[in-house]
């Protein structure tokens, strides 16, 4: 496990490959507890995106701390994390990286926004949330904000994401 500049954690994948294919362990409560994270998934989501699609940038809010785990399972994405915590010393800092199915899992603290652009025709992302999702308990920033220069032309972006406030930093 490696810790990132926004407090995110990068967790190595445990995978087993044989003649049948690949098996990857996504979650083991003991591993997270021993690592010092109180992460207990409450909800799991899976997305598929075509090339050029942008999803995000979203950040749940709550009255207690919780974590989110993201993992790419197929394809490649231009992944963006942004610190939206008002009292954080890293507020406004962006972590950007290209992820694929061999990339570590990323455990995100509350207050860190996440979004991505699919770089391939068949990107798949897996999300494990330490809370139950509610669109009324979420904030976000417009992915068209100047601080995000996307690698590829944008094919699709949701109406919801287009309506989010622009981030000025």
N, C-alpha and C. Protein backbone atom coordinates (compact mmCIF):
# COMPACT_ATOMS: atom_id res chain seq x y z
N UNK A 1 0.84 -1.18 0.00
CA UNK A 1 0.00 0.00 0.00
C UNK A 1 0.89 1.24 0.00
N UNK A 2 0.46 2.21 -0.78
CA UNK A 2 1.18 3.48 -0.86
C UNK A 2 0.17 4.60 -0.63
N UNK A 3 0.57 5.61 0.10
CA UNK A 3 -0.32 6.75 0.38
C UNK A 3 -0.01 7.87 -0.60
N UNK A 4 -1.06 8.55 -1.11
CA UNK A 4 -0.91 9.64 -2.05
C UNK A 4 -0.99 11.00 -1.37
N UNK A 5 -0.79 12.06 -2.14
CA UNK A 5 -0.71 13.42 -1.58
C UNK A 5 -2.04 13.96 -1.07
N UNK A 6 -3.16 13.38 -1.50
CA UNK A 6 -4.48 13.86 -1.04
C UNK A 6 -5.03 12.99 0.08
N UNK A 7 -4.23 12.03 0.55
CA UNK A 7 -4.68 11.11 1.59
C UNK A 7 -5.26 9.83 1.01
N UNK A 8 -5.25 9.73 -0.31
CA UNK A 8 -5.75 8.52 -0.95
C UNK A 8 -4.73 7.39 -0.75
N UNK A 9 -5.20 6.16 -0.80
CA UNK A 9 -4.31 5.01 -0.65
C UNK A 9 -4.37 4.16 -1.91
N UNK A 10 -3.21 3.69 -2.34
CA UNK A 10 -3.09 2.83 -3.50
C UNK A 10 -2.81 1.42 -3.02
N UNK A 11 -3.73 0.52 -3.32
CA UNK A 11 -3.67 -0.85 -2.80
C UNK A 11 -3.34 -1.82 -3.92
N UNK A 12 -2.31 -2.61 -3.72
CA UNK A 12 -1.93 -3.59 -4.72
C UNK A 12 -3.06 -4.58 -4.94
N UNK A 13 -3.19 -5.02 -6.19
CA UNK A 13 -4.17 -6.05 -6.51
C UNK A 13 -3.59 -7.42 -6.14
N UNK A 14 -4.43 -8.27 -5.61
CA UNK A 14 -4.05 -9.65 -5.40
C UNK A 14 -4.78 -10.44 -6.47
N UNK A 15 -4.05 -10.92 -7.45
CA UNK A 15 -4.65 -11.63 -8.57
C UNK A 15 -4.00 -12.99 -8.75
N UNK A 16 -4.78 -13.91 -9.26
CA UNK A 16 -4.32 -15.25 -9.58
C UNK A 16 -4.74 -15.56 -11.01
N UNK A 17 -3.78 -15.97 -11.81
CA UNK A 17 -4.06 -16.25 -13.22
C UNK A 17 -3.64 -17.68 -13.53
N UNK A 18 -4.52 -18.40 -14.23
CA UNK A 18 -4.19 -19.74 -14.71
C UNK A 18 -4.88 -19.97 -16.05
N UNK A 19 -4.98 -21.21 -16.48
CA UNK A 19 -5.57 -21.53 -17.78
C UNK A 19 -7.02 -21.07 -17.91
N UNK A 20 -7.70 -20.94 -16.79
CA UNK A 20 -9.11 -20.53 -16.81
C UNK A 20 -9.28 -19.04 -17.01
N UNK A 21 -8.27 -18.26 -16.62
CA UNK A 21 -8.37 -16.80 -16.70
C UNK A 21 -7.82 -16.17 -15.44
N UNK A 22 -8.45 -15.09 -15.01
CA UNK A 22 -7.94 -14.26 -13.92
C UNK A 22 -8.97 -14.19 -12.78
N UNK A 23 -8.48 -14.26 -11.56
CA UNK A 23 -9.29 -14.06 -10.36
C UNK A 23 -8.61 -12.97 -9.55
N UNK A 24 -9.35 -11.92 -9.19
CA UNK A 24 -8.79 -10.81 -8.41
C UNK A 24 -9.64 -10.60 -7.17
N UNK A 25 -8.96 -10.54 -6.02
CA UNK A 25 -9.66 -10.23 -4.77
C UNK A 25 -9.79 -8.71 -4.68
N UNK A 26 -11.02 -8.23 -4.51
CA UNK A 26 -11.28 -6.79 -4.45
C UNK A 26 -11.33 -6.31 -3.01
N UNK A 27 -11.92 -7.09 -2.13
CA UNK A 27 -12.12 -6.62 -0.76
C UNK A 27 -11.90 -7.74 0.23
N UNK A 28 -11.21 -7.40 1.32
CA UNK A 28 -10.97 -8.30 2.44
C UNK A 28 -10.95 -7.40 3.68
N UNK A 29 -11.92 -7.52 4.55
CA UNK A 29 -12.04 -6.61 5.69
C UNK A 29 -10.80 -6.61 6.58
N UNK A 30 -10.16 -7.76 6.74
CA UNK A 30 -8.96 -7.82 7.59
C UNK A 30 -7.83 -6.98 7.02
N UNK A 31 -7.66 -7.00 5.71
CA UNK A 31 -6.59 -6.22 5.07
C UNK A 31 -6.78 -4.74 5.36
N UNK A 32 -7.99 -4.24 5.23
CA UNK A 32 -8.24 -2.82 5.46
C UNK A 32 -8.09 -2.45 6.93
N UNK A 33 -8.55 -3.31 7.82
CA UNK A 33 -8.45 -3.05 9.25
C UNK A 33 -6.98 -2.99 9.67
N UNK A 34 -6.17 -3.96 9.21
CA UNK A 34 -4.75 -4.00 9.54
C UNK A 34 -4.03 -2.77 8.96
N UNK A 35 -4.49 -2.28 7.81
CA UNK A 35 -3.87 -1.11 7.17
C UNK A 35 -4.27 0.20 7.85
N UNK A 36 -5.21 0.13 8.79
CA UNK A 36 -5.61 1.33 9.52
C UNK A 36 -6.80 2.08 8.92
N UNK A 37 -7.50 1.46 7.98
CA UNK A 37 -8.67 2.10 7.35
C UNK A 37 -9.94 1.44 7.85
N UNK A 38 -10.87 2.28 8.24
CA UNK A 38 -12.18 1.77 8.65
C UNK A 38 -13.06 1.77 7.41
N UNK A 39 -12.82 0.82 6.52
CA UNK A 39 -13.57 0.74 5.27
C UNK A 39 -14.40 -0.52 5.24
N UNK A 40 -15.71 -0.31 5.23
CA UNK A 40 -16.65 -1.41 5.14
C UNK A 40 -17.66 -1.06 4.06
N UNK A 41 -17.57 -1.70 2.88
CA UNK A 41 -18.48 -1.35 1.78
C UNK A 41 -19.94 -1.53 2.15
N UNK A 42 -20.73 -0.55 1.76
CA UNK A 42 -22.18 -0.59 1.97
C UNK A 42 -22.92 -0.73 0.64
N UNK A 43 -22.25 -0.32 -0.46
CA UNK A 43 -22.88 -0.35 -1.77
C UNK A 43 -21.79 -0.52 -2.83
N UNK A 44 -22.14 -1.22 -3.91
CA UNK A 44 -21.19 -1.48 -5.00
C UNK A 44 -21.83 -1.05 -6.32
N UNK A 45 -21.06 -0.32 -7.13
CA UNK A 45 -21.50 0.12 -8.45
C UNK A 45 -20.50 -0.34 -9.49
N UNK A 46 -20.97 -0.44 -10.72
CA UNK A 46 -20.15 -0.85 -11.84
C UNK A 46 -20.55 0.02 -13.03
N UNK A 47 -19.58 0.62 -13.71
CA UNK A 47 -19.92 1.44 -14.89
C UNK A 47 -19.16 0.94 -16.11
N UNK A 48 -19.79 1.11 -17.27
CA UNK A 48 -19.16 0.85 -18.55
C UNK A 48 -19.23 2.15 -19.34
N UNK A 49 -18.11 2.51 -19.97
CA UNK A 49 -18.07 3.78 -20.70
C UNK A 49 -17.39 3.60 -22.05
N UNK A 50 -17.94 4.30 -23.04
CA UNK A 50 -17.36 4.30 -24.37
C UNK A 50 -16.24 5.34 -24.44
N UNK A 51 -15.43 5.27 -25.46
CA UNK A 51 -14.31 6.18 -25.63
C UNK A 51 -14.79 7.63 -25.66
N UNK A 52 -14.10 8.48 -24.91
CA UNK A 52 -14.41 9.91 -24.87
C UNK A 52 -15.42 10.32 -23.81
N UNK A 53 -16.11 9.36 -23.22
CA UNK A 53 -17.11 9.66 -22.17
C UNK A 53 -16.40 10.20 -20.94
N UNK A 54 -17.02 11.23 -20.35
CA UNK A 54 -16.54 11.77 -19.08
C UNK A 54 -17.58 11.46 -18.01
N UNK A 55 -17.11 10.95 -16.87
CA UNK A 55 -17.97 10.73 -15.69
C UNK A 55 -17.36 11.48 -14.53
N UNK A 56 -18.19 12.26 -13.85
CA UNK A 56 -17.70 13.00 -12.67
C UNK A 56 -17.52 14.46 -13.02
N UNK A 57 -17.11 15.22 -12.11
CA UNK A 57 -16.29 14.92 -10.94
C UNK A 57 -17.18 15.06 -9.70
N UNK A 58 -17.32 13.97 -8.95
CA UNK A 58 -18.26 13.90 -7.85
C UNK A 58 -17.55 13.63 -6.53
N UNK A 59 -18.22 14.08 -5.47
CA UNK A 59 -17.68 13.90 -4.13
C UNK A 59 -18.84 13.82 -3.14
N UNK A 60 -19.02 12.67 -2.50
CA UNK A 60 -20.09 12.57 -1.51
C UNK A 60 -19.78 13.38 -0.25
N UNK A 61 -20.83 13.82 0.41
CA UNK A 61 -20.70 14.52 1.68
C UNK A 61 -21.52 13.76 2.72
N UNK A 62 -21.10 13.82 3.96
CA UNK A 62 -21.81 13.10 5.02
C UNK A 62 -21.44 13.69 6.36
N UNK A 63 -22.14 13.24 7.38
CA UNK A 63 -21.87 13.73 8.73
C UNK A 63 -20.83 12.88 9.45
N UNK A 64 -20.25 11.92 8.76
CA UNK A 64 -19.17 11.12 9.33
C UNK A 64 -18.21 10.73 8.21
N UNK A 65 -17.01 10.34 8.58
CA UNK A 65 -15.99 9.94 7.60
C UNK A 65 -16.33 8.58 6.99
N UNK A 66 -16.16 8.47 5.70
CA UNK A 66 -16.24 7.17 5.03
C UNK A 66 -15.33 7.20 3.82
N UNK A 67 -15.05 6.05 3.28
CA UNK A 67 -14.12 5.91 2.17
C UNK A 67 -14.82 5.32 0.96
N UNK A 68 -14.22 5.52 -0.21
CA UNK A 68 -14.70 4.91 -1.46
C UNK A 68 -13.51 4.21 -2.11
N UNK A 69 -13.75 3.04 -2.66
CA UNK A 69 -12.73 2.31 -3.39
C UNK A 69 -13.08 2.33 -4.86
N UNK A 70 -12.11 2.69 -5.71
CA UNK A 70 -12.33 2.65 -7.15
C UNK A 70 -11.31 1.71 -7.77
N UNK A 71 -11.74 1.03 -8.82
CA UNK A 71 -10.86 0.11 -9.54
C UNK A 71 -11.30 0.05 -10.99
N UNK A 72 -10.36 0.12 -11.89
CA UNK A 72 -10.70 -0.09 -13.30
C UNK A 72 -10.56 -1.58 -13.57
N UNK A 73 -11.56 -2.15 -14.23
CA UNK A 73 -11.56 -3.59 -14.49
C UNK A 73 -11.31 -3.92 -15.95
N UNK A 74 -11.49 -2.92 -16.84
CA UNK A 74 -11.21 -3.15 -18.27
C UNK A 74 -10.99 -1.81 -18.95
N UNK A 75 -10.13 -1.80 -19.95
CA UNK A 75 -9.89 -0.58 -20.71
C UNK A 75 -8.86 0.31 -20.03
N UNK A 76 -8.89 1.61 -20.40
CA UNK A 76 -7.99 2.62 -19.83
C UNK A 76 -8.77 3.90 -19.62
N UNK A 77 -8.44 4.62 -18.54
CA UNK A 77 -9.09 5.89 -18.25
C UNK A 77 -8.07 6.95 -17.88
N UNK A 78 -8.41 8.20 -18.16
CA UNK A 78 -7.68 9.37 -17.68
C UNK A 78 -8.39 9.74 -16.38
N UNK A 79 -7.79 9.38 -15.26
CA UNK A 79 -8.43 9.48 -13.95
C UNK A 79 -8.00 10.76 -13.24
N UNK A 80 -8.97 11.43 -12.61
CA UNK A 80 -8.70 12.69 -11.91
C UNK A 80 -9.26 12.63 -10.50
N UNK A 81 -8.40 13.03 -9.55
CA UNK A 81 -8.81 13.25 -8.16
C UNK A 81 -8.56 14.72 -7.88
N UNK A 82 -9.47 15.36 -7.14
CA UNK A 82 -9.27 16.75 -6.73
C UNK A 82 -9.70 16.90 -5.28
N UNK A 83 -8.87 17.57 -4.50
CA UNK A 83 -9.17 17.80 -3.10
C UNK A 83 -10.16 18.95 -2.98
N UNK A 84 -11.37 18.66 -2.51
CA UNK A 84 -12.42 19.66 -2.35
C UNK A 84 -12.68 19.99 -0.87
N UNK A 85 -11.84 19.52 0.02
CA UNK A 85 -12.02 19.76 1.45
C UNK A 85 -11.62 21.21 1.77
N UNK A 86 -12.52 21.93 2.42
CA UNK A 86 -12.29 23.36 2.66
C UNK A 86 -11.12 23.62 3.60
N UNK A 87 -10.88 22.77 4.57
CA UNK A 87 -9.81 23.00 5.55
C UNK A 87 -8.52 22.24 5.23
N UNK A 88 -8.42 21.66 4.06
CA UNK A 88 -7.27 20.83 3.72
C UNK A 88 -6.09 21.67 3.23
N UNK A 89 -4.89 21.26 3.60
CA UNK A 89 -3.68 21.94 3.12
C UNK A 89 -3.42 21.64 1.64
N UNK A 90 -4.10 20.62 1.11
CA UNK A 90 -3.94 20.28 -0.30
C UNK A 90 -5.18 20.66 -1.12
N UNK A 91 -6.03 21.53 -0.56
CA UNK A 91 -7.26 21.95 -1.26
C UNK A 91 -6.93 22.44 -2.67
N UNK A 92 -7.68 21.92 -3.64
CA UNK A 92 -7.51 22.32 -5.03
C UNK A 92 -6.45 21.54 -5.77
N UNK A 93 -5.65 20.77 -5.06
CA UNK A 93 -4.63 19.99 -5.77
C UNK A 93 -5.29 18.84 -6.53
N UNK A 94 -4.72 18.56 -7.69
CA UNK A 94 -5.25 17.55 -8.58
C UNK A 94 -4.22 16.43 -8.74
N UNK A 95 -4.70 15.21 -8.67
CA UNK A 95 -3.88 14.04 -8.99
C UNK A 95 -4.48 13.44 -10.24
N UNK A 96 -3.65 13.33 -11.26
CA UNK A 96 -4.13 12.83 -12.55
C UNK A 96 -3.22 11.69 -13.00
N UNK A 97 -3.86 10.60 -13.46
CA UNK A 97 -3.08 9.45 -13.90
C UNK A 97 -3.90 8.61 -14.87
N UNK A 98 -3.21 7.91 -15.74
CA UNK A 98 -3.87 6.96 -16.62
C UNK A 98 -3.90 5.63 -15.89
N UNK A 99 -5.10 5.06 -15.79
CA UNK A 99 -5.28 3.79 -15.10
C UNK A 99 -5.76 2.73 -16.08
N UNK A 100 -5.37 1.49 -15.80
CA UNK A 100 -5.90 0.36 -16.57
C UNK A 100 -6.14 -0.79 -15.59
N UNK A 101 -6.48 -1.95 -16.13
CA UNK A 101 -6.86 -3.08 -15.29
C UNK A 101 -5.72 -3.66 -14.46
N UNK A 102 -4.50 -3.18 -14.68
CA UNK A 102 -3.38 -3.62 -13.85
C UNK A 102 -3.03 -2.59 -12.77
N UNK A 103 -3.70 -1.45 -12.78
CA UNK A 103 -3.42 -0.38 -11.81
C UNK A 103 -3.91 -0.78 -10.42
N UNK A 104 -3.29 -0.22 -9.38
CA UNK A 104 -3.75 -0.50 -8.02
C UNK A 104 -5.19 0.00 -7.81
N UNK A 105 -5.84 -0.58 -6.82
CA UNK A 105 -7.12 -0.05 -6.37
C UNK A 105 -6.82 1.27 -5.66
N UNK A 106 -7.76 2.22 -5.71
CA UNK A 106 -7.54 3.50 -5.04
C UNK A 106 -8.64 3.69 -4.00
N UNK A 107 -8.23 3.92 -2.77
CA UNK A 107 -9.14 4.17 -1.67
C UNK A 107 -9.15 5.67 -1.42
N UNK A 108 -10.33 6.29 -1.60
CA UNK A 108 -10.45 7.75 -1.53
C UNK A 108 -11.10 8.20 -0.23
N UNK A 109 -10.50 9.19 0.43
CA UNK A 109 -11.14 9.75 1.63
C UNK A 109 -12.29 10.67 1.25
N UNK A 110 -13.17 10.91 2.20
CA UNK A 110 -14.26 11.83 2.00
C UNK A 110 -13.69 13.22 1.70
N UNK A 111 -14.30 13.93 0.77
CA UNK A 111 -13.85 15.26 0.42
C UNK A 111 -12.94 15.31 -0.79
N UNK A 112 -12.58 14.16 -1.32
CA UNK A 112 -11.77 14.11 -2.54
C UNK A 112 -12.70 13.74 -3.69
N UNK A 113 -12.80 14.64 -4.67
CA UNK A 113 -13.65 14.41 -5.84
C UNK A 113 -12.97 13.47 -6.82
N UNK A 114 -13.79 12.74 -7.57
CA UNK A 114 -13.27 11.77 -8.54
C UNK A 114 -14.05 11.86 -9.84
N UNK A 115 -13.32 11.75 -10.93
CA UNK A 115 -13.92 11.67 -12.25
C UNK A 115 -12.91 11.07 -13.21
N UNK A 116 -13.38 10.75 -14.42
CA UNK A 116 -12.48 10.18 -15.41
C UNK A 116 -13.04 10.34 -16.81
N UNK A 117 -12.14 10.18 -17.78
CA UNK A 117 -12.53 10.09 -19.18
C UNK A 117 -12.08 8.72 -19.69
N UNK A 118 -12.97 8.02 -20.38
CA UNK A 118 -12.63 6.73 -20.96
C UNK A 118 -11.72 6.95 -22.17
N UNK A 119 -10.60 6.26 -22.17
CA UNK A 119 -9.64 6.36 -23.28
C UNK A 119 -9.79 5.22 -24.28
N UNK A 120 -10.63 4.24 -23.93
CA UNK A 120 -10.87 3.12 -24.82
C UNK A 120 -12.37 2.93 -25.00
N UNK A 121 -12.73 2.12 -25.94
CA UNK A 121 -14.15 1.92 -26.27
C UNK A 121 -14.90 1.11 -25.22
N UNK A 122 -14.19 0.50 -24.29
CA UNK A 122 -14.83 -0.45 -23.38
C UNK A 122 -14.34 -0.34 -21.94
N UNK A 123 -14.20 0.86 -21.43
CA UNK A 123 -13.70 1.02 -20.05
C UNK A 123 -14.76 0.61 -19.05
N UNK A 124 -14.32 -0.09 -18.03
CA UNK A 124 -15.20 -0.50 -16.94
C UNK A 124 -14.57 -0.10 -15.62
N UNK A 125 -15.40 0.49 -14.74
CA UNK A 125 -14.94 0.89 -13.41
C UNK A 125 -15.83 0.20 -12.36
N UNK A 126 -15.21 -0.15 -11.26
CA UNK A 126 -15.90 -0.73 -10.12
C UNK A 126 -15.76 0.25 -8.96
N UNK A 127 -16.87 0.51 -8.26
CA UNK A 127 -16.87 1.44 -7.13
C UNK A 127 -17.46 0.73 -5.92
N UNK A 128 -16.75 0.75 -4.81
CA UNK A 128 -17.27 0.26 -3.54
C UNK A 128 -17.38 1.46 -2.63
N UNK A 129 -18.58 1.73 -2.15
CA UNK A 129 -18.83 2.90 -1.31
C UNK A 129 -19.00 2.46 0.14
N UNK A 130 -18.41 3.21 1.05
CA UNK A 130 -18.58 2.97 2.47
C UNK A 130 -19.82 3.65 3.01
N UNK A 131 -20.76 3.99 2.13
CA UNK A 131 -22.01 4.66 2.47
C UNK A 131 -23.05 4.29 1.41
N UNK A 132 -24.29 4.62 1.69
CA UNK A 132 -25.35 4.43 0.69
C UNK A 132 -25.43 5.71 -0.13
N UNK A 133 -25.35 5.58 -1.45
CA UNK A 133 -25.35 6.74 -2.34
C UNK A 133 -26.67 7.50 -2.28
N UNK A 134 -26.56 8.82 -2.29
CA UNK A 134 -27.72 9.70 -2.40
C UNK A 134 -27.28 10.94 -3.17
N UNK A 135 -27.98 11.25 -4.26
CA UNK A 135 -27.57 12.42 -5.04
C UNK A 135 -27.77 13.73 -4.28
N UNK A 136 -28.55 13.70 -3.20
CA UNK A 136 -28.71 14.90 -2.39
C UNK A 136 -27.56 15.07 -1.40
N UNK A 137 -26.74 14.05 -1.27
CA UNK A 137 -25.58 14.12 -0.37
C UNK A 137 -24.30 14.00 -1.19
N UNK A 138 -24.24 14.81 -2.24
CA UNK A 138 -23.10 14.78 -3.13
C UNK A 138 -22.83 16.19 -3.64
N UNK A 139 -21.57 16.52 -3.76
CA UNK A 139 -21.17 17.77 -4.40
C UNK A 139 -20.30 17.38 -5.59
N UNK A 140 -20.04 18.35 -6.42
CA UNK A 140 -19.19 18.07 -7.57
C UNK A 140 -18.75 19.35 -8.23
N UNK A 141 -17.85 19.19 -9.16
CA UNK A 141 -17.39 20.32 -9.96
C UNK A 141 -17.54 19.95 -11.42
N UNK A 142 -17.75 20.97 -12.23
CA UNK A 142 -17.96 20.77 -13.66
C UNK A 142 -16.68 20.24 -14.29
N UNK A 143 -16.78 19.10 -14.97
CA UNK A 143 -15.59 18.54 -15.61
C UNK A 143 -15.05 19.41 -16.75
N UNK A 144 -15.79 20.42 -17.14
CA UNK A 144 -15.33 21.33 -18.19
C UNK A 144 -14.58 22.52 -17.59
N UNK A 145 -14.33 22.51 -16.28
CA UNK A 145 -13.54 23.56 -15.63
C UNK A 145 -12.16 23.62 -16.28
N UNK A 146 -11.60 24.82 -16.33
CA UNK A 146 -10.31 25.02 -17.01
C UNK A 146 -9.18 24.17 -16.45
N UNK A 147 -9.26 23.81 -15.17
CA UNK A 147 -8.16 23.05 -14.56
C UNK A 147 -8.09 21.60 -15.05
N UNK A 148 -9.11 21.15 -15.77
CA UNK A 148 -9.12 19.79 -16.31
C UNK A 148 -9.01 19.87 -17.83
N UNK A 149 -7.89 19.54 -18.36
CA UNK A 149 -7.72 19.49 -19.81
C UNK A 149 -7.74 18.03 -20.21
N UNK A 150 -8.81 17.60 -20.84
CA UNK A 150 -8.98 16.19 -21.16
C UNK A 150 -8.10 15.78 -22.32
N UNK A 151 -7.63 14.56 -22.28
CA UNK A 151 -6.67 14.04 -23.26
C UNK A 151 -7.27 13.83 -24.65
N UNK A 152 -8.55 13.49 -24.69
CA UNK A 152 -9.22 13.16 -25.95
C UNK A 152 -10.45 14.04 -26.14
N UNK A 153 -10.95 14.13 -27.36
CA UNK A 153 -12.22 14.83 -27.56
C UNK A 153 -13.31 14.17 -26.70
N UNK A 154 -14.22 14.98 -26.20
CA UNK A 154 -15.31 14.49 -25.35
C UNK A 154 -16.45 14.00 -26.23
N UNK A 155 -16.86 12.75 -26.02
CA UNK A 155 -17.98 12.21 -26.81
C UNK A 155 -19.31 12.43 -26.09
N UNK A 156 -19.32 12.23 -24.77
CA UNK A 156 -20.56 12.35 -24.00
C UNK A 156 -20.24 12.81 -22.58
N UNK A 157 -21.12 13.67 -22.08
CA UNK A 157 -21.06 14.11 -20.69
C UNK A 157 -22.51 14.29 -20.23
N UNK A 158 -22.82 13.90 -19.01
CA UNK A 158 -24.21 13.94 -18.56
C UNK A 158 -24.68 15.39 -18.35
N UNK A 159 -25.98 15.55 -18.44
CA UNK A 159 -26.60 16.85 -18.17
C UNK A 159 -26.30 17.29 -16.74
N UNK A 160 -26.34 16.34 -15.81
CA UNK A 160 -26.03 16.64 -14.41
C UNK A 160 -24.62 17.21 -14.29
N UNK A 161 -23.64 16.56 -14.92
CA UNK A 161 -22.26 17.01 -14.82
C UNK A 161 -22.05 18.36 -15.49
N UNK A 162 -22.73 18.60 -16.60
CA UNK A 162 -22.63 19.90 -17.28
C UNK A 162 -23.17 21.03 -16.41
N UNK A 163 -24.12 20.69 -15.52
CA UNK A 163 -24.74 21.69 -14.66
C UNK A 163 -24.01 21.96 -13.36
N UNK A 164 -22.95 21.22 -13.10
CA UNK A 164 -22.20 21.44 -11.86
C UNK A 164 -21.43 22.76 -11.95
N UNK A 165 -21.13 23.38 -10.80
CA UNK A 165 -20.38 24.64 -10.82
C UNK A 165 -18.96 24.44 -11.32
N UNK A 166 -18.44 25.46 -11.98
CA UNK A 166 -17.05 25.43 -12.45
C UNK A 166 -16.12 25.60 -11.26
N UNK A 167 -14.97 24.96 -11.33
CA UNK A 167 -13.98 25.07 -10.27
C UNK A 167 -12.95 26.12 -10.66
N UNK A 168 -12.80 27.09 -9.82
CA UNK A 168 -11.78 28.14 -10.02
C UNK A 168 -10.74 27.98 -8.93
N UNK A 169 -9.51 27.74 -9.33
CA UNK A 169 -8.49 27.56 -8.28
C UNK A 169 -7.27 28.38 -8.53
